[in-house]
Amino acid sequence: MEPVNTALLKQIRSKCTEDSTSGCWNYQLSANGSGYANTLRHAFAMGGESAMIQGSRLAYTALKGAIPEGYEVDHLCKNKACLNGWHLEAVTPSVNRERNRVAPEHPLTAAWFPSPETIQVSFSSTMLST
């Protein structure tokens, strides 16, 4: 495992607000059309020229090191704006898609942020039983 880039983590953290319940670091600046955090990667932090990068990739790299070639970063918390590196995992594209399609949500998300489907099922069940 590569050493933690503390300076970069502090910079990322300064652009987020922390949700005290879930521990998510919610990015407060730009997001792409799918809702994922977008940020500038600066030459001093990552080397090379500045370029737009998905915030989760930057946060993962700062905390855990390089993302293996061909891998994607999965938000275990299912919060696209979260840049907490402990909520991120590098996985293959097929694993990422499978998790997003059928995998149970991260315990923090399931407890505090019920999905619309869960709310609808609960509501429907209540309506049917009365």
N, C-alpha and C. Protein backbone atom coordinates (compact mmCIF):
# COMPACT_ATOMS: atom_id res chain seq x y z
N MET A 1 0.84 -1.18 0.00
CA MET A 1 0.00 0.00 0.00
C MET A 1 0.89 1.24 0.00
N GLU A 2 0.54 2.18 -0.84
CA GLU A 2 1.29 3.42 -0.94
C GLU A 2 1.00 4.30 0.27
N PRO A 3 1.94 5.22 0.59
CA PRO A 3 1.70 6.10 1.73
C PRO A 3 0.52 7.05 1.47
N VAL A 4 -0.14 7.42 2.54
CA VAL A 4 -1.28 8.33 2.47
C VAL A 4 -0.78 9.72 2.10
N ASN A 5 -1.48 10.37 1.17
CA ASN A 5 -1.16 11.74 0.78
C ASN A 5 -1.98 12.67 1.68
N THR A 6 -1.43 12.97 2.85
CA THR A 6 -2.15 13.74 3.86
C THR A 6 -2.53 15.13 3.36
N ALA A 7 -1.62 15.79 2.65
CA ALA A 7 -1.91 17.14 2.14
C ALA A 7 -3.10 17.13 1.19
N LEU A 8 -3.15 16.15 0.32
CA LEU A 8 -4.25 16.05 -0.63
C LEU A 8 -5.55 15.71 0.09
N LEU A 9 -5.50 14.81 1.07
CA LEU A 9 -6.70 14.48 1.85
C LEU A 9 -7.26 15.72 2.56
N LYS A 10 -6.38 16.54 3.12
CA LYS A 10 -6.83 17.76 3.78
C LYS A 10 -7.48 18.71 2.78
N GLN A 11 -6.91 18.79 1.59
CA GLN A 11 -7.48 19.66 0.56
C GLN A 11 -8.87 19.15 0.14
N ILE A 12 -8.98 17.85 -0.06
CA ILE A 12 -10.28 17.25 -0.43
C ILE A 12 -11.29 17.50 0.69
N ARG A 13 -10.88 17.22 1.92
CA ARG A 13 -11.78 17.35 3.08
C ARG A 13 -12.27 18.79 3.24
N SER A 14 -11.43 19.77 2.90
CA SER A 14 -11.81 21.17 3.05
C SER A 14 -12.92 21.58 2.08
N LYS A 15 -13.15 20.78 1.05
CA LYS A 15 -14.19 21.08 0.06
C LYS A 15 -15.46 20.27 0.32
N CYS A 16 -15.52 19.61 1.46
CA CYS A 16 -16.65 18.73 1.79
C CYS A 16 -17.27 19.14 3.12
N THR A 17 -18.51 18.72 3.30
CA THR A 17 -19.13 18.79 4.62
C THR A 17 -19.35 17.35 5.06
N GLU A 18 -19.10 17.08 6.33
CA GLU A 18 -19.23 15.72 6.82
C GLU A 18 -20.62 15.48 7.39
N ASP A 19 -21.21 14.39 6.97
CA ASP A 19 -22.48 13.96 7.53
C ASP A 19 -22.15 13.18 8.80
N SER A 20 -22.55 13.70 9.95
CA SER A 20 -22.18 13.09 11.23
C SER A 20 -22.82 11.72 11.43
N THR A 21 -23.89 11.43 10.73
CA THR A 21 -24.55 10.14 10.87
C THR A 21 -23.87 9.07 10.04
N SER A 22 -23.62 9.35 8.76
CA SER A 22 -23.07 8.34 7.86
C SER A 22 -21.55 8.39 7.76
N GLY A 23 -20.96 9.53 8.09
CA GLY A 23 -19.52 9.70 7.92
C GLY A 23 -19.13 10.09 6.51
N CYS A 24 -20.11 10.28 5.64
CA CYS A 24 -19.82 10.69 4.26
C CYS A 24 -19.24 12.09 4.25
N TRP A 25 -18.27 12.30 3.36
CA TRP A 25 -17.72 13.63 3.11
C TRP A 25 -18.39 14.11 1.83
N ASN A 26 -19.40 14.92 1.94
CA ASN A 26 -20.18 15.37 0.79
C ASN A 26 -19.51 16.56 0.11
N TYR A 27 -19.07 16.33 -1.11
CA TYR A 27 -18.37 17.35 -1.89
C TYR A 27 -19.32 18.50 -2.19
N GLN A 28 -18.85 19.74 -1.98
CA GLN A 28 -19.71 20.91 -2.08
C GLN A 28 -19.55 21.70 -3.36
N LEU A 29 -18.68 21.26 -4.27
CA LEU A 29 -18.47 22.02 -5.49
C LEU A 29 -19.18 21.37 -6.66
N SER A 30 -18.51 21.12 -7.75
CA SER A 30 -19.18 20.66 -8.97
C SER A 30 -19.44 19.15 -8.99
N ALA A 31 -20.47 18.79 -9.77
CA ALA A 31 -20.80 17.38 -9.99
C ALA A 31 -21.07 17.20 -11.48
N ASN A 32 -20.82 15.99 -11.96
CA ASN A 32 -21.13 15.72 -13.37
C ASN A 32 -22.63 15.43 -13.53
N GLY A 33 -23.06 15.15 -14.74
CA GLY A 33 -24.47 14.92 -15.02
C GLY A 33 -25.07 13.73 -14.28
N SER A 34 -24.23 12.80 -13.83
CA SER A 34 -24.70 11.63 -13.10
C SER A 34 -24.68 11.84 -11.59
N GLY A 35 -24.22 13.01 -11.15
CA GLY A 35 -24.21 13.31 -9.73
C GLY A 35 -22.91 13.02 -9.01
N TYR A 36 -21.89 12.54 -9.74
CA TYR A 36 -20.60 12.26 -9.12
C TYR A 36 -19.78 13.54 -9.01
N ALA A 37 -19.04 13.67 -7.90
CA ALA A 37 -18.21 14.85 -7.67
C ALA A 37 -17.12 14.94 -8.74
N ASN A 38 -16.95 16.13 -9.29
CA ASN A 38 -15.85 16.42 -10.21
C ASN A 38 -14.95 17.44 -9.55
N THR A 39 -13.65 17.29 -9.71
CA THR A 39 -12.71 18.21 -9.09
C THR A 39 -11.50 18.37 -9.98
N LEU A 40 -10.73 19.42 -9.71
CA LEU A 40 -9.49 19.61 -10.45
C LEU A 40 -8.38 18.83 -9.77
N ARG A 41 -7.61 18.16 -10.55
CA ARG A 41 -6.43 17.47 -10.05
C ARG A 41 -5.26 18.43 -10.29
N HIS A 42 -4.62 18.85 -9.25
CA HIS A 42 -3.56 19.84 -9.37
C HIS A 42 -2.19 19.20 -9.53
N ALA A 43 -1.32 19.87 -10.25
CA ALA A 43 0.02 19.36 -10.54
C ALA A 43 0.78 19.05 -9.24
N PHE A 44 0.66 19.89 -8.23
CA PHE A 44 1.41 19.65 -6.98
C PHE A 44 0.93 18.42 -6.24
N ALA A 45 -0.33 18.04 -6.44
CA ALA A 45 -0.89 16.93 -5.69
C ALA A 45 -0.65 15.58 -6.36
N MET A 46 -0.79 15.53 -7.69
CA MET A 46 -0.74 14.25 -8.38
C MET A 46 0.35 14.17 -9.44
N GLY A 47 1.00 15.27 -9.73
CA GLY A 47 1.99 15.29 -10.81
C GLY A 47 1.28 15.54 -12.13
N GLY A 48 2.00 16.08 -13.09
CA GLY A 48 1.39 16.35 -14.39
C GLY A 48 0.62 17.65 -14.38
N GLU A 49 -0.12 17.87 -15.44
CA GLU A 49 -0.88 19.10 -15.58
C GLU A 49 -2.26 18.96 -14.94
N SER A 50 -2.84 20.09 -14.57
CA SER A 50 -4.17 20.07 -13.97
C SER A 50 -5.19 19.55 -14.97
N ALA A 51 -6.14 18.78 -14.50
CA ALA A 51 -7.19 18.23 -15.36
C ALA A 51 -8.40 17.89 -14.50
N MET A 52 -9.56 17.84 -15.10
CA MET A 52 -10.77 17.44 -14.37
C MET A 52 -10.68 15.93 -14.10
N ILE A 53 -11.07 15.54 -12.90
CA ILE A 53 -11.05 14.13 -12.51
C ILE A 53 -12.24 13.87 -11.59
N GLN A 54 -12.74 12.67 -11.61
CA GLN A 54 -13.83 12.32 -10.71
C GLN A 54 -13.29 12.34 -9.28
N GLY A 55 -13.98 13.03 -8.41
CA GLY A 55 -13.51 13.22 -7.04
C GLY A 55 -13.25 11.93 -6.30
N SER A 56 -14.06 10.91 -6.53
CA SER A 56 -13.88 9.64 -5.83
C SER A 56 -12.55 8.99 -6.21
N ARG A 57 -12.14 9.14 -7.46
CA ARG A 57 -10.85 8.58 -7.90
C ARG A 57 -9.70 9.30 -7.20
N LEU A 58 -9.83 10.62 -7.09
CA LEU A 58 -8.80 11.42 -6.43
C LEU A 58 -8.73 11.06 -4.94
N ALA A 59 -9.88 10.96 -4.28
CA ALA A 59 -9.92 10.65 -2.85
C ALA A 59 -9.37 9.25 -2.58
N TYR A 60 -9.75 8.29 -3.41
CA TYR A 60 -9.25 6.92 -3.25
C TYR A 60 -7.72 6.90 -3.36
N THR A 61 -7.21 7.56 -4.39
CA THR A 61 -5.77 7.59 -4.64
C THR A 61 -5.03 8.25 -3.48
N ALA A 62 -5.58 9.32 -2.95
CA ALA A 62 -4.93 10.03 -1.84
C ALA A 62 -4.82 9.15 -0.60
N LEU A 63 -5.84 8.33 -0.34
CA LEU A 63 -5.85 7.51 0.87
C LEU A 63 -5.23 6.13 0.67
N LYS A 64 -5.55 5.48 -0.44
CA LYS A 64 -5.19 4.07 -0.60
C LYS A 64 -4.16 3.79 -1.68
N GLY A 65 -3.82 4.79 -2.48
CA GLY A 65 -2.83 4.59 -3.54
C GLY A 65 -3.48 4.42 -4.90
N ALA A 66 -2.68 3.99 -5.83
CA ALA A 66 -3.11 3.91 -7.23
C ALA A 66 -4.29 2.94 -7.41
N ILE A 67 -5.16 3.32 -8.32
CA ILE A 67 -6.28 2.46 -8.71
C ILE A 67 -5.76 1.50 -9.78
N PRO A 68 -5.93 0.20 -9.60
CA PRO A 68 -5.42 -0.74 -10.62
C PRO A 68 -6.01 -0.44 -12.00
N GLU A 69 -5.21 -0.68 -13.02
CA GLU A 69 -5.63 -0.46 -14.40
C GLU A 69 -6.93 -1.19 -14.70
N GLY A 70 -7.88 -0.47 -15.28
CA GLY A 70 -9.15 -1.06 -15.65
C GLY A 70 -10.18 -1.13 -14.53
N TYR A 71 -9.83 -0.67 -13.34
CA TYR A 71 -10.75 -0.71 -12.21
C TYR A 71 -11.52 0.60 -12.09
N GLU A 72 -12.64 0.54 -11.40
CA GLU A 72 -13.47 1.70 -11.10
C GLU A 72 -13.54 1.85 -9.58
N VAL A 73 -13.96 3.02 -9.14
CA VAL A 73 -14.13 3.25 -7.71
C VAL A 73 -15.61 3.12 -7.37
N ASP A 74 -15.91 2.21 -6.46
CA ASP A 74 -17.29 1.97 -6.01
C ASP A 74 -17.52 2.70 -4.69
N HIS A 75 -18.63 3.40 -4.59
CA HIS A 75 -19.03 4.05 -3.35
C HIS A 75 -19.78 3.02 -2.51
N LEU A 76 -19.15 2.52 -1.46
CA LEU A 76 -19.78 1.54 -0.60
C LEU A 76 -21.00 2.13 0.10
N CYS A 77 -20.97 3.43 0.31
CA CYS A 77 -22.08 4.12 0.97
C CYS A 77 -23.21 4.47 -0.01
N LYS A 78 -22.99 4.26 -1.29
CA LYS A 78 -23.96 4.55 -2.36
C LYS A 78 -24.28 6.05 -2.47
N ASN A 79 -23.39 6.89 -1.96
CA ASN A 79 -23.56 8.34 -2.02
C ASN A 79 -22.56 8.88 -3.04
N LYS A 80 -23.04 9.28 -4.20
CA LYS A 80 -22.18 9.72 -5.29
C LYS A 80 -21.35 10.95 -4.97
N ALA A 81 -21.80 11.76 -4.03
CA ALA A 81 -21.07 12.98 -3.66
C ALA A 81 -20.03 12.73 -2.57
N CYS A 82 -19.98 11.52 -2.02
CA CYS A 82 -19.07 11.21 -0.92
C CYS A 82 -17.63 11.04 -1.40
N LEU A 83 -16.71 11.73 -0.71
CA LEU A 83 -15.29 11.60 -1.02
C LEU A 83 -14.50 11.07 0.18
N ASN A 84 -15.17 10.41 1.10
CA ASN A 84 -14.49 9.76 2.22
C ASN A 84 -13.84 8.49 1.67
N GLY A 85 -12.52 8.48 1.66
CA GLY A 85 -11.77 7.36 1.08
C GLY A 85 -12.08 6.02 1.71
N TRP A 86 -12.53 6.01 2.96
CA TRP A 86 -12.88 4.75 3.62
C TRP A 86 -14.21 4.20 3.11
N HIS A 87 -14.97 5.01 2.41
CA HIS A 87 -16.24 4.57 1.82
C HIS A 87 -16.06 4.14 0.37
N LEU A 88 -14.82 4.11 -0.10
CA LEU A 88 -14.53 3.82 -1.51
C LEU A 88 -13.73 2.54 -1.65
N GLU A 89 -14.00 1.80 -2.72
CA GLU A 89 -13.26 0.56 -3.00
C GLU A 89 -13.02 0.45 -4.50
N ALA A 90 -11.81 0.08 -4.88
CA ALA A 90 -11.49 -0.16 -6.29
C ALA A 90 -11.97 -1.56 -6.67
N VAL A 91 -12.79 -1.63 -7.70
CA VAL A 91 -13.37 -2.90 -8.14
C VAL A 91 -13.39 -2.94 -9.67
N THR A 92 -13.58 -4.11 -10.21
CA THR A 92 -13.71 -4.23 -11.67
C THR A 92 -15.04 -3.62 -12.09
N PRO A 93 -15.15 -3.19 -13.35
CA PRO A 93 -16.43 -2.64 -13.82
C PRO A 93 -17.60 -3.60 -13.63
N SER A 94 -17.37 -4.89 -13.84
CA SER A 94 -18.48 -5.85 -13.70
C SER A 94 -18.93 -5.96 -12.24
N VAL A 95 -17.99 -5.93 -11.30
CA VAL A 95 -18.36 -5.97 -9.88
C VAL A 95 -19.12 -4.70 -9.52
N ASN A 96 -18.66 -3.56 -10.00
CA ASN A 96 -19.32 -2.29 -9.71
C ASN A 96 -20.76 -2.30 -10.22
N ARG A 97 -20.97 -2.75 -11.43
CA ARG A 97 -22.32 -2.80 -11.99
C ARG A 97 -23.20 -3.79 -11.24
N GLU A 98 -22.64 -4.94 -10.89
CA GLU A 98 -23.40 -5.95 -10.17
C GLU A 98 -23.83 -5.43 -8.79
N ARG A 99 -22.91 -4.77 -8.10
CA ARG A 99 -23.23 -4.22 -6.79
C ARG A 99 -24.33 -3.17 -6.89
N ASN A 100 -24.24 -2.34 -7.90
CA ASN A 100 -25.22 -1.28 -8.05
C ASN A 100 -26.57 -1.81 -8.49
N ARG A 101 -26.58 -3.00 -9.05
CA ARG A 101 -27.83 -3.58 -9.53
C ARG A 101 -28.52 -4.42 -8.47
N VAL A 102 -27.76 -5.29 -7.77
CA VAL A 102 -28.40 -6.24 -6.87
C VAL A 102 -27.82 -6.31 -5.46
N ALA A 103 -26.66 -5.75 -5.24
CA ALA A 103 -26.01 -5.90 -3.93
C ALA A 103 -26.74 -5.11 -2.85
N PRO A 104 -26.73 -5.62 -1.64
CA PRO A 104 -27.32 -4.85 -0.55
C PRO A 104 -26.52 -3.58 -0.33
N GLU A 105 -27.19 -2.56 0.16
CA GLU A 105 -26.52 -1.30 0.41
C GLU A 105 -25.57 -1.43 1.60
N HIS A 106 -24.61 -0.51 1.64
CA HIS A 106 -23.69 -0.40 2.76
C HIS A 106 -24.54 -0.20 4.03
N PRO A 107 -24.14 -0.77 5.17
CA PRO A 107 -24.96 -0.66 6.38
C PRO A 107 -25.32 0.78 6.76
N LEU A 108 -24.40 1.71 6.56
CA LEU A 108 -24.70 3.10 6.90
C LEU A 108 -25.83 3.64 6.02
N THR A 109 -25.77 3.33 4.75
CA THR A 109 -26.79 3.82 3.82
C THR A 109 -28.13 3.17 4.11
N ALA A 110 -28.11 1.87 4.31
CA ALA A 110 -29.36 1.15 4.54
C ALA A 110 -30.07 1.65 5.80
N ALA A 111 -29.30 1.98 6.82
CA ALA A 111 -29.90 2.42 8.08
C ALA A 111 -30.43 3.84 8.02
N TRP A 112 -29.69 4.71 7.35
CA TRP A 112 -30.02 6.13 7.43
C TRP A 112 -30.65 6.71 6.17
N PHE A 113 -30.47 6.04 5.05
CA PHE A 113 -30.99 6.58 3.80
C PHE A 113 -31.75 5.50 3.05
N PRO A 114 -32.98 5.20 3.46
CA PRO A 114 -33.74 4.14 2.78
C PRO A 114 -33.97 4.49 1.31
N SER A 115 -33.91 3.49 0.47
CA SER A 115 -34.11 3.71 -0.96
C SER A 115 -35.58 4.02 -1.23
N PRO A 116 -35.87 4.70 -2.35
CA PRO A 116 -37.27 4.97 -2.70
C PRO A 116 -38.09 3.69 -2.80
N GLU A 117 -37.47 2.59 -3.27
CA GLU A 117 -38.19 1.33 -3.38
C GLU A 117 -38.61 0.82 -2.01
N THR A 118 -37.73 0.95 -1.02
CA THR A 118 -38.03 0.50 0.33
C THR A 118 -39.18 1.32 0.91
N ILE A 119 -39.13 2.61 0.69
CA ILE A 119 -40.20 3.48 1.19
C ILE A 119 -41.52 3.12 0.53
N GLN A 120 -41.50 2.88 -0.79
CA GLN A 120 -42.72 2.54 -1.52
C GLN A 120 -43.28 1.21 -1.05
N VAL A 121 -42.40 0.21 -0.86
CA VAL A 121 -42.86 -1.10 -0.40
C VAL A 121 -43.47 -0.98 0.98
N SER A 122 -42.82 -0.24 1.87
CA SER A 122 -43.36 -0.06 3.22
C SER A 122 -44.71 0.64 3.17
N PHE A 123 -44.81 1.66 2.36
CA PHE A 123 -46.06 2.39 2.23
C PHE A 123 -47.15 1.49 1.65
N SER A 124 -46.81 0.75 0.61
CA SER A 124 -47.78 -0.13 -0.03
C SER A 124 -48.24 -1.22 0.94
N SER A 125 -47.32 -1.78 1.69
CA SER A 125 -47.66 -2.84 2.64
C SER A 125 -48.61 -2.31 3.70
N THR A 126 -48.35 -1.10 4.14
CA THR A 126 -49.21 -0.49 5.16
C THR A 126 -50.59 -0.26 4.59
N MET A 127 -50.64 0.21 3.37
CA MET A 127 -51.93 0.50 2.73
C MET A 127 -52.73 -0.79 2.50
N LEU A 128 -52.04 -1.87 2.15
CA LEU A 128 -52.73 -3.13 1.87
C LEU A 128 -53.24 -3.78 3.14
N SER A 129 -52.54 -3.57 4.25
CA SER A 129 -52.92 -4.27 5.47
C SER A 129 -54.05 -3.57 6.24
N THR A 130 -54.40 -2.38 5.83
CA THR A 130 -55.46 -1.67 6.57
C THR A 130 -56.83 -1.94 6.01
